[in-house]
Amino acid sequence: MRYWDTSALVPLVVAETETQRMPSLLEEDPHIVTSAWTSMEFASAVERRARQGELSRELRRAALSRFAELAEIWDEVTDVLTVRRRALADWIAAQLT
C-alpha cells in the first residue's frame, strides 16, 4: 500500500514532468490511499492550470474524467487528526534517535 498525495495523483491525469514515472508506480501497487482533501486539491490544481491556459477545455474535461475514475477505486483517510498526531509523534521520535 502506498499513500498518494495530490502532487502524485495529478501527473497521472495531467501532463507534467513526473507523468512518465507515475503509471509505473501505480502498476507496482494499484492500491491508492489518499487524503479526504485530495479531491478538493485536485480540482484546484486542474482549474488553476485551465485558468492559466495550460489546459484546453478538452484536456480539462479529460483530466477531470480520469480523476473521477481514480476516485472510484481509492481509499480515503478521513480521520486526519489521528493520522496527523501519529505521524508527528513518529517524526519526533525519529528526530530524537
PDB file of N, CA and C in Angstrom:
ATOM      1  N   MET A   1       0.842  -1.165   0.000  1.00  0.00           N
ATOM      2  CA  MET A   1       0.000   0.000   0.000  1.00  0.00           C
ATOM      3  C   MET A   1       0.892   1.235   0.000  1.00  0.00           C
ATOM      4  N   ARG A   2       0.498   2.198  -0.803  1.00  0.00           N
ATOM      5  CA  ARG A   2       1.271   3.427  -0.924  1.00  0.00           C
ATOM      6  C   ARG A   2       0.324   4.618  -0.759  1.00  0.00           C
ATOM      7  N   TYR A   3       0.747   5.597   0.010  1.00  0.00           N
ATOM      8  CA  TYR A   3      -0.034   6.821   0.155  1.00  0.00           C
ATOM      9  C   TYR A   3       0.271   7.735  -1.025  1.00  0.00           C
ATOM     10  N   TRP A   4      -0.769   8.222  -1.671  1.00  0.00           N
ATOM     11  CA  TRP A   4      -0.628   9.130  -2.811  1.00  0.00           C
ATOM     12  C   TRP A   4      -1.194  10.489  -2.413  1.00  0.00           C
ATOM     13  N   ASP A   5      -0.343  11.505  -2.399  1.00  0.00           N
ATOM     14  CA  ASP A   5      -0.889  12.841  -2.175  1.00  0.00           C
ATOM     15  C   ASP A   5      -1.261  13.433  -3.528  1.00  0.00           C
ATOM     16  N   THR A   6      -1.856  14.588  -3.495  1.00  0.00           N
ATOM     17  CA  THR A   6      -2.353  15.209  -4.725  1.00  0.00           C
ATOM     18  C   THR A   6      -1.235  15.428  -5.736  1.00  0.00           C
ATOM     19  N   SER A   7      -0.057  15.781  -5.266  1.00  0.00           N
ATOM     20  CA  SER A   7       1.050  16.055  -6.193  1.00  0.00           C
ATOM     21  C   SER A   7       1.496  14.793  -6.926  1.00  0.00           C
ATOM     22  N   ALA A   8       1.171  13.628  -6.419  1.00  0.00           N
ATOM     23  CA  ALA A   8       1.487  12.379  -7.112  1.00  0.00           C
ATOM     24  C   ALA A   8       0.341  11.953  -8.030  1.00  0.00           C
ATOM     25  N   LEU A   9      -0.880  12.299  -7.669  1.00  0.00           N
ATOM     26  CA  LEU A   9      -2.036  11.910  -8.480  1.00  0.00           C
ATOM     27  C   LEU A   9      -2.223  12.798  -9.709  1.00  0.00           C
ATOM     28  N   VAL A  10      -1.953  14.080  -9.574  1.00  0.00           N
ATOM     29  CA  VAL A  10      -2.143  14.999 -10.709  1.00  0.00           C
ATOM     30  C   VAL A  10      -1.354  14.540 -11.940  1.00  0.00           C
ATOM     31  N   PRO A  11      -0.092  14.131 -11.814  1.00  0.00           N
ATOM     32  CA  PRO A  11       0.635  13.702 -13.013  1.00  0.00           C
ATOM     33  C   PRO A  11       0.076  12.439 -13.680  1.00  0.00           C
ATOM     34  N   LEU A  12      -0.808  11.727 -12.987  1.00  0.00           N
ATOM     35  CA  LEU A  12      -1.457  10.580 -13.627  1.00  0.00           C
ATOM     36  C   LEU A  12      -2.487  11.011 -14.661  1.00  0.00           C
ATOM     37  N   VAL A  13      -2.975  12.243 -14.538  1.00  0.00           N
ATOM     38  CA  VAL A  13      -4.049  12.691 -15.415  1.00  0.00           C
ATOM     39  C   VAL A  13      -3.752  13.987 -16.166  1.00  0.00           C
ATOM     40  N   VAL A  14      -2.695  14.690 -15.775  1.00  0.00           N
ATOM     41  CA  VAL A  14      -2.286  15.930 -16.442  1.00  0.00           C
ATOM     42  C   VAL A  14      -0.804  15.794 -16.790  1.00  0.00           C
ATOM     43  N   ALA A  15      -0.451  16.124 -18.011  1.00  0.00           N
ATOM     44  CA  ALA A  15       0.943  16.003 -18.439  1.00  0.00           C
ATOM     45  C   ALA A  15       1.844  16.927 -17.631  1.00  0.00           C
ATOM     46  N   GLU A  16       2.789  16.312 -16.916  1.00  0.00           N
ATOM     47  CA  GLU A  16       3.770  17.030 -16.110  1.00  0.00           C
ATOM     48  C   GLU A  16       5.098  16.292 -16.204  1.00  0.00           C
ATOM     49  N   THR A  17       6.095  16.841 -15.566  1.00  0.00           N
ATOM     50  CA  THR A  17       7.425  16.225 -15.558  1.00  0.00           C
ATOM     51  C   THR A  17       7.371  14.787 -15.046  1.00  0.00           C
ATOM     52  N   GLU A  18       6.595  14.542 -14.003  1.00  0.00           N
ATOM     53  CA  GLU A  18       6.529  13.222 -13.379  1.00  0.00           C
ATOM     54  C   GLU A  18       5.554  12.259 -14.053  1.00  0.00           C
ATOM     55  N   THR A  19       4.872  12.703 -15.102  1.00  0.00           N
ATOM     56  CA  THR A  19       3.842  11.888 -15.732  1.00  0.00           C
ATOM     57  C   THR A  19       4.360  10.539 -16.212  1.00  0.00           C
ATOM     58  N   GLN A  20       5.557  10.488 -16.743  1.00  0.00           N
ATOM     59  CA  GLN A  20       6.087   9.218 -17.249  1.00  0.00           C
ATOM     60  C   GLN A  20       6.367   8.230 -16.132  1.00  0.00           C
ATOM     61  N   ARG A  21       6.714   8.691 -14.967  1.00  0.00           N
ATOM     62  CA  ARG A  21       7.094   7.820 -13.852  1.00  0.00           C
ATOM     63  C   ARG A  21       5.895   7.293 -13.065  1.00  0.00           C
ATOM     64  N   MET A  22       4.856   8.059 -12.949  1.00  0.00           N
ATOM     65  CA  MET A  22       3.751   7.710 -12.057  1.00  0.00           C
ATOM     66  C   MET A  22       2.972   6.455 -12.460  1.00  0.00           C
ATOM     67  N   PRO A  23       2.676   6.220 -13.739  1.00  0.00           N
ATOM     68  CA  PRO A  23       1.945   4.992 -14.070  1.00  0.00           C
ATOM     69  C   PRO A  23       2.674   3.715 -13.643  1.00  0.00           C
ATOM     70  N   SER A  24       3.988   3.703 -13.728  1.00  0.00           N
ATOM     71  CA  SER A  24       4.714   2.505 -13.297  1.00  0.00           C
ATOM     72  C   SER A  24       4.613   2.313 -11.791  1.00  0.00           C
ATOM     73  N   LEU A  25       4.597   3.404 -11.030  1.00  0.00           N
ATOM     74  CA  LEU A  25       4.395   3.291  -9.582  1.00  0.00           C
ATOM     75  C   LEU A  25       3.006   2.749  -9.268  1.00  0.00           C
ATOM     76  N   LEU A  26       2.036   3.178 -10.037  1.00  0.00           N
ATOM     77  CA  LEU A  26       0.674   2.700  -9.837  1.00  0.00           C
ATOM     78  C   LEU A  26       0.560   1.218 -10.210  1.00  0.00           C
ATOM     79  N   GLU A  27       1.262   0.810 -11.251  1.00  0.00           N
ATOM     80  CA  GLU A  27       1.253  -0.604 -11.633  1.00  0.00           C
ATOM     81  C   GLU A  27       1.900  -1.474 -10.561  1.00  0.00           C
ATOM     82  N   GLU A  28       2.980  -0.983  -9.948  1.00  0.00           N
ATOM     83  CA  GLU A  28       3.654  -1.734  -8.880  1.00  0.00           C
ATOM     84  C   GLU A  28       2.713  -1.992  -7.709  1.00  0.00           C
ATOM     85  N   ASP A  29       1.889  -1.014  -7.393  1.00  0.00           N
ATOM     86  CA  ASP A  29       0.966  -1.128  -6.271  1.00  0.00           C
ATOM     87  C   ASP A  29      -0.288  -0.327  -6.599  1.00  0.00           C
ATOM     88  N   PRO A  30      -1.315  -0.984  -7.137  1.00  0.00           N
ATOM     89  CA  PRO A  30      -2.513  -0.261  -7.583  1.00  0.00           C
ATOM     90  C   PRO A  30      -3.463   0.173  -6.467  1.00  0.00           C
ATOM     91  N   HIS A  31      -3.123  -0.117  -5.218  1.00  0.00           N
ATOM     92  CA  HIS A  31      -3.974   0.294  -4.098  1.00  0.00           C
ATOM     93  C   HIS A  31      -3.616   1.729  -3.710  1.00  0.00           C
ATOM     94  N   ILE A  32      -4.473   2.664  -4.057  1.00  0.00           N
ATOM     95  CA  ILE A  32      -4.240   4.074  -3.760  1.00  0.00           C
ATOM     96  C   ILE A  32      -4.907   4.433  -2.435  1.00  0.00           C
ATOM     97  N   VAL A  33      -4.122   5.019  -1.558  1.00  0.00           N
ATOM     98  CA  VAL A  33      -4.644   5.587  -0.315  1.00  0.00           C
ATOM     99  C   VAL A  33      -4.306   7.069  -0.353  1.00  0.00           C
ATOM    100  N   THR A  34      -5.294   7.896  -0.089  1.00  0.00           N
ATOM    101  CA  THR A  34      -5.085   9.333  -0.162  1.00  0.00           C
ATOM    102  C   THR A  34      -5.936  10.040   0.885  1.00  0.00           C
ATOM    103  N   SER A  35      -5.781  11.319   0.971  1.00  0.00           N
ATOM    104  CA  SER A  35      -6.487  12.129   1.965  1.00  0.00           C
ATOM    105  C   SER A  35      -7.904  12.460   1.503  1.00  0.00           C
ATOM    106  N   ALA A  36      -8.747  12.718   2.470  1.00  0.00           N
ATOM    107  CA  ALA A  36     -10.103  13.174   2.166  1.00  0.00           C
ATOM    108  C   ALA A  36     -10.083  14.535   1.464  1.00  0.00           C
ATOM    109  N   TRP A  37      -8.984  15.263   1.581  1.00  0.00           N
ATOM    110  CA  TRP A  37      -8.853  16.582   0.950  1.00  0.00           C
ATOM    111  C   TRP A  37      -8.391  16.516  -0.494  1.00  0.00           C
ATOM    112  N   THR A  38      -7.971  15.352  -0.958  1.00  0.00           N
ATOM    113  CA  THR A  38      -7.378  15.231  -2.293  1.00  0.00           C
ATOM    114  C   THR A  38      -8.298  15.705  -3.404  1.00  0.00           C
ATOM    115  N   SER A  39      -9.572  15.381  -3.335  1.00  0.00           N
ATOM    116  CA  SER A  39     -10.497  15.796  -4.398  1.00  0.00           C
ATOM    117  C   SER A  39     -10.529  17.313  -4.547  1.00  0.00           C
ATOM    118  N   MET A  40     -10.570  18.019  -3.423  1.00  0.00           N
ATOM    119  CA  MET A  40     -10.578  19.479  -3.476  1.00  0.00           C
ATOM    120  C   MET A  40      -9.258  20.017  -4.024  1.00  0.00           C
ATOM    121  N   GLU A  41      -8.158  19.458  -3.546  1.00  0.00           N
ATOM    122  CA  GLU A  41      -6.841  19.902  -4.006  1.00  0.00           C
ATOM    123  C   GLU A  41      -6.664  19.629  -5.494  1.00  0.00           C
ATOM    124  N   PHE A  42      -7.138  18.466  -5.940  1.00  0.00           N
ATOM    125  CA  PHE A  42      -7.016  18.125  -7.349  1.00  0.00           C
ATOM    126  C   PHE A  42      -7.825  19.089  -8.214  1.00  0.00           C
ATOM    127  N   ALA A  43      -9.072  19.327  -7.818  1.00  0.00           N
ATOM    128  CA  ALA A  43      -9.910  20.259  -8.576  1.00  0.00           C
ATOM    129  C   ALA A  43      -9.250  21.628  -8.666  1.00  0.00           C
ATOM    130  N   SER A  44      -8.659  22.073  -7.580  1.00  0.00           N
ATOM    131  CA  SER A  44      -7.963  23.354  -7.565  1.00  0.00           C
ATOM    132  C   SER A  44      -6.785  23.359  -8.534  1.00  0.00           C
ATOM    133  N   ALA A  45      -6.016  22.274  -8.533  1.00  0.00           N
ATOM    134  CA  ALA A  45      -4.852  22.185  -9.421  1.00  0.00           C
ATOM    135  C   ALA A  45      -5.270  22.211 -10.890  1.00  0.00           C
ATOM    136  N   VAL A  46      -6.312  21.474 -11.224  1.00  0.00           N
ATOM    137  CA  VAL A  46      -6.779  21.434 -12.618  1.00  0.00           C
ATOM    138  C   VAL A  46      -7.344  22.787 -13.037  1.00  0.00           C
ATOM    139  N   GLU A  47      -8.162  23.385 -12.184  1.00  0.00           N
ATOM    140  CA  GLU A  47      -8.759  24.679 -12.539  1.00  0.00           C
ATOM    141  C   GLU A  47      -7.704  25.773 -12.675  1.00  0.00           C
ATOM    142  N   ARG A  48      -6.684  25.727 -11.829  1.00  0.00           N
ATOM    143  CA  ARG A  48      -5.599  26.715 -11.950  1.00  0.00           C
ATOM    144  C   ARG A  48      -4.909  26.573 -13.301  1.00  0.00           C
ATOM    145  N   ARG A  49      -4.622  25.339 -13.693  1.00  0.00           N
ATOM    146  CA  ARG A  49      -3.978  25.112 -14.988  1.00  0.00           C
ATOM    147  C   ARG A  49      -4.876  25.569 -16.139  1.00  0.00           C
ATOM    148  N   ALA A  50      -6.162  25.344 -16.008  1.00  0.00           N
ATOM    149  CA  ALA A  50      -7.099  25.787 -17.049  1.00  0.00           C
ATOM    150  C   ALA A  50      -7.126  27.318 -17.131  1.00  0.00           C
ATOM    151  N   ARG A  51      -7.183  27.989 -15.976  1.00  0.00           N
ATOM    152  CA  ARG A  51      -7.185  29.465 -15.960  1.00  0.00           C
ATOM    153  C   ARG A  51      -5.920  30.037 -16.563  1.00  0.00           C
ATOM    154  N   GLN A  52      -4.795  29.350 -16.326  1.00  0.00           N
ATOM    155  CA  GLN A  52      -3.518  29.835 -16.835  1.00  0.00           C
ATOM    156  C   GLN A  52      -3.296  29.465 -18.299  1.00  0.00           C
ATOM    157  N   GLY A  53      -4.248  28.783 -18.894  1.00  0.00           N
ATOM    158  CA  GLY A  53      -4.148  28.420 -20.300  1.00  0.00           C
ATOM    159  C   GLY A  53      -3.301  27.183 -20.563  1.00  0.00           C
ATOM    160  N   GLU A  54      -2.948  26.441 -19.516  1.00  0.00           N
ATOM    161  CA  GLU A  54      -2.138  25.230 -19.672  1.00  0.00           C
ATOM    162  C   GLU A  54      -2.972  24.027 -20.103  1.00  0.00           C
ATOM    163  N   LEU A  55      -4.293  24.093 -19.874  1.00  0.00           N
ATOM    164  CA  LEU A  55      -5.188  23.005 -20.260  1.00  0.00           C
ATOM    165  C   LEU A  55      -6.310  23.555 -21.124  1.00  0.00           C
ATOM    166  N   SER A  56      -6.513  22.939 -22.262  1.00  0.00           N
ATOM    167  CA  SER A  56      -7.663  23.297 -23.096  1.00  0.00           C
ATOM    168  C   SER A  56      -8.928  22.746 -22.434  1.00  0.00           C
ATOM    169  N   ARG A  57     -10.074  23.127 -22.948  1.00  0.00           N
ATOM    170  CA  ARG A  57     -11.337  22.600 -22.407  1.00  0.00           C
ATOM    171  C   ARG A  57     -11.375  21.079 -22.497  1.00  0.00           C
ATOM    172  N   GLU A  58     -10.878  20.553 -23.616  1.00  0.00           N
ATOM    173  CA  GLU A  58     -10.891  19.101 -23.821  1.00  0.00           C
ATOM    174  C   GLU A  58      -9.957  18.399 -22.836  1.00  0.00           C
ATOM    175  N   LEU A  59      -8.754  18.961 -22.643  1.00  0.00           N
ATOM    176  CA  LEU A  59      -7.806  18.357 -21.695  1.00  0.00           C
ATOM    177  C   LEU A  59      -8.306  18.482 -20.261  1.00  0.00           C
ATOM    178  N   ARG A  60      -8.935  19.602 -19.962  1.00  0.00           N
ATOM    179  CA  ARG A  60      -9.515  19.780 -18.625  1.00  0.00           C
ATOM    180  C   ARG A  60     -10.585  18.721 -18.386  1.00  0.00           C
ATOM    181  N   ARG A  61     -11.476  18.555 -19.337  1.00  0.00           N
ATOM    182  CA  ARG A  61     -12.549  17.571 -19.218  1.00  0.00           C
ATOM    183  C   ARG A  61     -11.985  16.158 -19.077  1.00  0.00           C
ATOM    184  N   ALA A  62     -10.967  15.837 -19.870  1.00  0.00           N
ATOM    185  CA  ALA A  62     -10.350  14.511 -19.805  1.00  0.00           C
ATOM    186  C   ALA A  62      -9.682  14.282 -18.452  1.00  0.00           C
ATOM    187  N   ALA A  63      -9.011  15.304 -17.927  1.00  0.00           N
ATOM    188  CA  ALA A  63      -8.351  15.184 -16.625  1.00  0.00           C
ATOM    189  C   ALA A  63      -9.375  14.940 -15.521  1.00  0.00           C
ATOM    190  N   LEU A  64     -10.466  15.688 -15.546  1.00  0.00           N
ATOM    191  CA  LEU A  64     -11.494  15.516 -14.524  1.00  0.00           C
ATOM    192  C   LEU A  64     -12.163  14.150 -14.635  1.00  0.00           C
ATOM    193  N   SER A  65     -12.346  13.669 -15.850  1.00  0.00           N
ATOM    194  CA  SER A  65     -12.939  12.349 -16.063  1.00  0.00           C
ATOM    195  C   SER A  65     -12.028  11.245 -15.549  1.00  0.00           C
ATOM    196  N   ARG A  66     -10.751  11.320 -15.882  1.00  0.00           N
ATOM    197  CA  ARG A  66      -9.790  10.317 -15.414  1.00  0.00           C
ATOM    198  C   ARG A  66      -9.670  10.372 -13.899  1.00  0.00           C
ATOM    199  N   PHE A  67      -9.677  11.559 -13.342  1.00  0.00           N
ATOM    200  CA  PHE A  67      -9.606  11.694 -11.902  1.00  0.00           C
ATOM    201  C   PHE A  67     -10.816  11.043 -11.233  1.00  0.00           C
ATOM    202  N   ALA A  68     -11.996  11.232 -11.799  1.00  0.00           N
ATOM    203  CA  ALA A  68     -13.207  10.610 -11.250  1.00  0.00           C
ATOM    204  C   ALA A  68     -13.083   9.087 -11.261  1.00  0.00           C
ATOM    205  N   GLU A  69     -12.461   8.551 -12.306  1.00  0.00           N
ATOM    206  CA  GLU A  69     -12.240   7.097 -12.368  1.00  0.00           C
ATOM    207  C   GLU A  69     -11.319   6.646 -11.233  1.00  0.00           C
ATOM    208  N   LEU A  70     -10.237   7.377 -11.009  1.00  0.00           N
ATOM    209  CA  LEU A  70      -9.319   7.038  -9.913  1.00  0.00           C
ATOM    210  C   LEU A  70     -10.023   7.140  -8.560  1.00  0.00           C
ATOM    211  N   ALA A  71     -10.828   8.168  -8.388  1.00  0.00           N
ATOM    212  CA  ALA A  71     -11.509   8.391  -7.112  1.00  0.00           C
ATOM    213  C   ALA A  71     -12.451   7.240  -6.768  1.00  0.00           C
ATOM    214  N   GLU A  72     -12.928   6.536  -7.772  1.00  0.00           N
ATOM    215  CA  GLU A  72     -13.809   5.394  -7.536  1.00  0.00           C
ATOM    216  C   GLU A  72     -13.085   4.216  -6.905  1.00  0.00           C
ATOM    217  N   ILE A  73     -11.776   4.129  -7.107  1.00  0.00           N
ATOM    218  CA  ILE A  73     -11.050   2.937  -6.655  1.00  0.00           C
ATOM    219  C   ILE A  73     -10.148   3.179  -5.451  1.00  0.00           C
ATOM    220  N   TRP A  74      -9.935   4.422  -5.045  1.00  0.00           N
ATOM    221  CA  TRP A  74      -9.004   4.654  -3.951  1.00  0.00           C
ATOM    222  C   TRP A  74      -9.704   4.599  -2.596  1.00  0.00           C
ATOM    223  N   ASP A  75      -8.880   4.513  -1.568  1.00  0.00           N
ATOM    224  CA  ASP A  75      -9.349   4.606  -0.194  1.00  0.00           C
ATOM    225  C   ASP A  75      -8.898   5.951   0.358  1.00  0.00           C
ATOM    226  N   GLU A  76      -9.802   6.607   1.088  1.00  0.00           N
ATOM    227  CA  GLU A  76      -9.501   7.915   1.653  1.00  0.00           C
ATOM    228  C   GLU A  76      -9.277   7.839   3.155  1.00  0.00           C
ATOM    229  N   VAL A  77      -8.265   8.539   3.608  1.00  0.00           N
ATOM    230  CA  VAL A  77      -8.019   8.714   5.035  1.00  0.00           C
ATOM    231  C   VAL A  77      -8.913   9.867   5.476  1.00  0.00           C
ATOM    232  N   THR A  78      -9.849   9.558   6.348  1.00  0.00           N
ATOM    233  CA  THR A  78     -10.786  10.594   6.786  1.00  0.00           C
ATOM    234  C   THR A  78     -10.508  11.071   8.209  1.00  0.00           C
ATOM    235  N   ASP A  79      -9.863  10.268   9.010  1.00  0.00           N
ATOM    236  CA  ASP A  79      -9.563  10.656  10.392  1.00  0.00           C
ATOM    237  C   ASP A  79      -8.204  11.368  10.409  1.00  0.00           C
ATOM    238  N   VAL A  80      -8.172  12.543   9.815  1.00  0.00           N
ATOM    239  CA  VAL A  80      -6.905  13.238   9.614  1.00  0.00           C
ATOM    240  C   VAL A  80      -6.234  13.676  10.908  1.00  0.00           C
ATOM    241  N   LEU A  81      -7.005  13.950  11.936  1.00  0.00           N
ATOM    242  CA  LEU A  81      -6.387  14.383  13.194  1.00  0.00           C
ATOM    243  C   LEU A  81      -5.605  13.242  13.842  1.00  0.00           C
ATOM    244  N   THR A  82      -6.140  12.055  13.815  1.00  0.00           N
ATOM    245  CA  THR A  82      -5.425  10.897  14.357  1.00  0.00           C
ATOM    246  C   THR A  82      -4.180  10.611  13.545  1.00  0.00           C
ATOM    247  N   VAL A  83      -4.307  10.657  12.237  1.00  0.00           N
ATOM    248  CA  VAL A  83      -3.156  10.411  11.365  1.00  0.00           C
ATOM    249  C   VAL A  83      -2.087  11.464  11.600  1.00  0.00           C
ATOM    250  N   ARG A  84      -2.487  12.716  11.698  1.00  0.00           N
ATOM    251  CA  ARG A  84      -1.518  13.791  11.943  1.00  0.00           C
ATOM    252  C   ARG A  84      -0.798  13.594  13.268  1.00  0.00           C
ATOM    253  N   ARG A  85      -1.550  13.270  14.300  1.00  0.00           N
ATOM    254  CA  ARG A  85      -0.961  13.075  15.627  1.00  0.00           C
ATOM    255  C   ARG A  85       0.052  11.924  15.608  1.00  0.00           C
ATOM    256  N   ARG A  86      -0.306  10.827  14.971  1.00  0.00           N
ATOM    257  CA  ARG A  86       0.604   9.680  14.916  1.00  0.00           C
ATOM    258  C   ARG A  86       1.835   9.976  14.060  1.00  0.00           C
ATOM    259  N   ALA A  87       1.618  10.610  12.913  1.00  0.00           N
ATOM    260  CA  ALA A  87       2.745  10.938  12.035  1.00  0.00           C
ATOM    261  C   ALA A  87       3.707  11.899  12.728  1.00  0.00           C
ATOM    262  N   LEU A  88       3.168  12.885  13.419  1.00  0.00           N
ATOM    263  CA  LEU A  88       4.018  13.842  14.131  1.00  0.00           C
ATOM    264  C   LEU A  88       4.795  13.148  15.249  1.00  0.00           C
ATOM    265  N   ALA A  89       4.153  12.271  15.987  1.00  0.00           N
ATOM    266  CA  ALA A  89       4.833  11.537  17.056  1.00  0.00           C
ATOM    267  C   ALA A  89       5.943  10.671  16.475  1.00  0.00           C
ATOM    268  N   ASP A  90       5.684   9.995  15.354  1.00  0.00           N
ATOM    269  CA  ASP A  90       6.708   9.164  14.713  1.00  0.00           C
ATOM    270  C   ASP A  90       7.867  10.021  14.224  1.00  0.00           C
ATOM    271  N   TRP A  91       7.554  11.181  13.663  1.00  0.00           N
ATOM    272  CA  TRP A  91       8.607  12.065  13.149  1.00  0.00           C
ATOM    273  C   TRP A  91       9.475  12.574  14.297  1.00  0.00           C
ATOM    274  N   ILE A  92       8.836  12.992  15.375  1.00  0.00           N
ATOM    275  CA  ILE A  92       9.603  13.489  16.535  1.00  0.00           C
ATOM    276  C   ILE A  92      10.488  12.383  17.093  1.00  0.00           C
ATOM    277  N   ALA A  93       9.947  11.185  17.222  1.00  0.00           N
ATOM    278  CA  ALA A  93      10.747  10.057  17.723  1.00  0.00           C
ATOM    279  C   ALA A  93      11.943   9.797  16.829  1.00  0.00           C
ATOM    280  N   ALA A  94      11.756   9.880  15.523  1.00  0.00           N
ATOM    281  CA  ALA A  94      12.865   9.654  14.586  1.00  0.00           C
ATOM    282  C   ALA A  94      13.925  10.744  14.718  1.00  0.00           C
ATOM    283  N   GLN A  95      13.520  11.979  15.006  1.00  0.00           N
ATOM    284  CA  GLN A  95      14.472  13.077  15.138  1.00  0.00           C
ATOM    285  C   GLN A  95      15.308  12.958  16.402  1.00  0.00           C
ATOM    286  N   LEU A  96      14.752  12.307  17.399  1.00  0.00           N
ATOM    287  CA  LEU A  96      15.434  12.178  18.688  1.00  0.00           C
ATOM    288  C   LEU A  96      16.385  10.991  18.747  1.00  0.00           C
ATOM    289  N   THR A  97      16.364  10.152  17.733  1.00  0.00           N
ATOM    290  CA  THR A  97      17.255   8.975  17.725  1.00  0.00           C
ATOM    291  C   THR A  97      18.502   9.256  16.937  1.00  0.00           C
TER     292      THR A  97
END
